[in-house]
Amino acid sequence: MPLTYSHPGHMVTHMKTTLNIDDTVMARLRRESARTGRTMSELVETALRRLLQSRREAAPPPSLPTFDSGGALVDVADREALYAAMEGR
């Protein structure tokens, strides 16, 4: 069962978890925490929120290209005409 706690300043429940973070990243996180006076948890949560928000608001993919085929050479419903076109008759 995960451990949870409620912070009086927040109306949401927080979940404690364990993360494996590279030592150099962790050192930078500690320095940033000391510099800004924010907890490491606040900094990590803010970074994760920004990452997830930016992915959600990403621009839609570009439209697929279109082209003019010049029209059908044969009515595919006409089996004989289709065979004739395929065989080069």
Protein backbone atom coordinates (compact mmCIF):
# COMPACT_ATOMS: atom_id res chain seq x y z
CA MET A 1 0.00 0.00 0.00
CA PRO A 2 1.57 3.34 -1.04
CA LEU A 3 2.21 5.97 1.59
CA THR A 4 0.34 9.22 1.04
CA TYR A 5 0.11 12.51 2.85
CA SER A 6 -1.85 15.73 2.53
CA HIS A 7 -0.05 19.04 2.58
CA PRO A 8 -2.20 21.83 4.10
CA GLY A 9 -1.34 24.17 1.21
CA HIS A 10 -2.53 21.73 -1.44
CA MET A 11 -5.96 20.25 -1.99
CA VAL A 12 -4.55 17.10 -3.59
CA THR A 13 -3.04 13.96 -2.16
CA HIS A 14 0.63 13.32 -2.81
CA MET A 15 2.24 9.94 -3.26
CA LYS A 16 5.75 9.15 -2.12
CA THR A 17 7.88 7.22 -4.59
CA THR A 18 11.48 6.26 -5.23
CA LEU A 19 13.33 7.41 -8.33
CA ASN A 20 16.80 6.52 -9.56
CA ILE A 21 18.41 9.80 -10.61
CA ASP A 22 21.90 10.20 -12.07
CA ASP A 23 24.38 11.62 -9.52
CA THR A 24 25.22 14.66 -11.64
CA VAL A 25 21.54 15.49 -12.14
CA MET A 26 20.91 15.05 -8.42
CA ALA A 27 23.79 17.39 -7.56
CA ARG A 28 22.37 20.04 -9.89
CA LEU A 29 18.92 19.53 -8.34
CA ARG A 30 20.36 20.04 -4.84
CA ARG A 31 22.14 23.26 -5.93
CA GLU A 32 18.98 24.59 -7.59
CA SER A 33 16.95 23.73 -4.50
CA ALA A 34 19.37 25.65 -2.28
CA ARG A 35 19.55 28.57 -4.72
CA THR A 36 15.78 28.99 -5.05
CA GLY A 37 14.72 27.96 -1.57
CA ARG A 38 12.34 25.37 -3.00
CA THR A 39 12.35 21.70 -2.06
CA MET A 40 13.76 19.15 -4.47
CA SER A 41 10.28 17.59 -4.62
CA GLU A 42 8.77 20.91 -5.72
CA LEU A 43 11.38 21.31 -8.45
CA VAL A 44 10.93 17.75 -9.75
CA GLU A 45 7.14 18.04 -9.68
CA THR A 46 7.27 21.36 -11.56
CA ALA A 47 9.60 19.89 -14.18
CA LEU A 48 7.38 16.83 -14.65
CA ARG A 49 4.24 18.97 -14.95
CA ARG A 50 5.91 21.10 -17.64
CA LEU A 51 7.07 18.01 -19.54
CA LEU A 52 3.62 16.41 -19.47
CA GLN A 53 1.81 19.66 -20.30
CA SER A 54 4.04 20.37 -23.29
CA ARG A 55 3.35 16.92 -24.72
CA ARG A 56 -0.38 17.32 -24.29
CA GLU A 57 -0.41 20.71 -26.02
CA ALA A 58 1.83 19.69 -28.90
CA ALA A 59 0.80 20.87 -32.34
CA PRO A 60 -1.19 18.39 -34.41
CA PRO A 61 0.83 16.43 -36.96
CA PRO A 62 1.03 17.91 -40.44
CA SER A 63 -1.46 16.76 -43.05
CA LEU A 64 -0.44 13.95 -45.35
CA PRO A 65 0.48 15.01 -48.86
CA THR A 66 -2.13 14.69 -51.61
CA PHE A 67 -1.71 14.28 -55.34
CA ASP A 68 -3.76 14.15 -58.51
CA SER A 69 -3.60 10.68 -60.01
CA GLY A 70 -5.09 11.81 -63.30
CA GLY A 71 -8.18 9.70 -62.75
CA ALA A 72 -8.89 6.00 -63.00
CA LEU A 73 -7.70 4.17 -66.10
CA VAL A 74 -10.32 1.49 -65.69
CA ASP A 75 -13.46 0.81 -63.68
CA VAL A 76 -12.25 -1.72 -61.11
CA ALA A 77 -15.79 -3.07 -60.81
CA ASP A 78 -15.52 -4.20 -64.47
CA ARG A 79 -13.49 -7.37 -64.09
CA GLU A 80 -12.85 -7.86 -67.82
CA ALA A 81 -11.67 -4.25 -68.25
CA LEU A 82 -9.45 -4.62 -65.20
CA TYR A 83 -7.85 -7.83 -66.51
CA ALA A 84 -7.35 -6.22 -69.90
CA ALA A 85 -5.60 -3.22 -68.31
CA MET A 86 -3.41 -5.45 -66.14
CA GLU A 87 -2.40 -7.68 -69.04
CA GLY A 88 -1.81 -4.75 -71.36
CA ARG A 89 -4.49 -5.72 -73.84
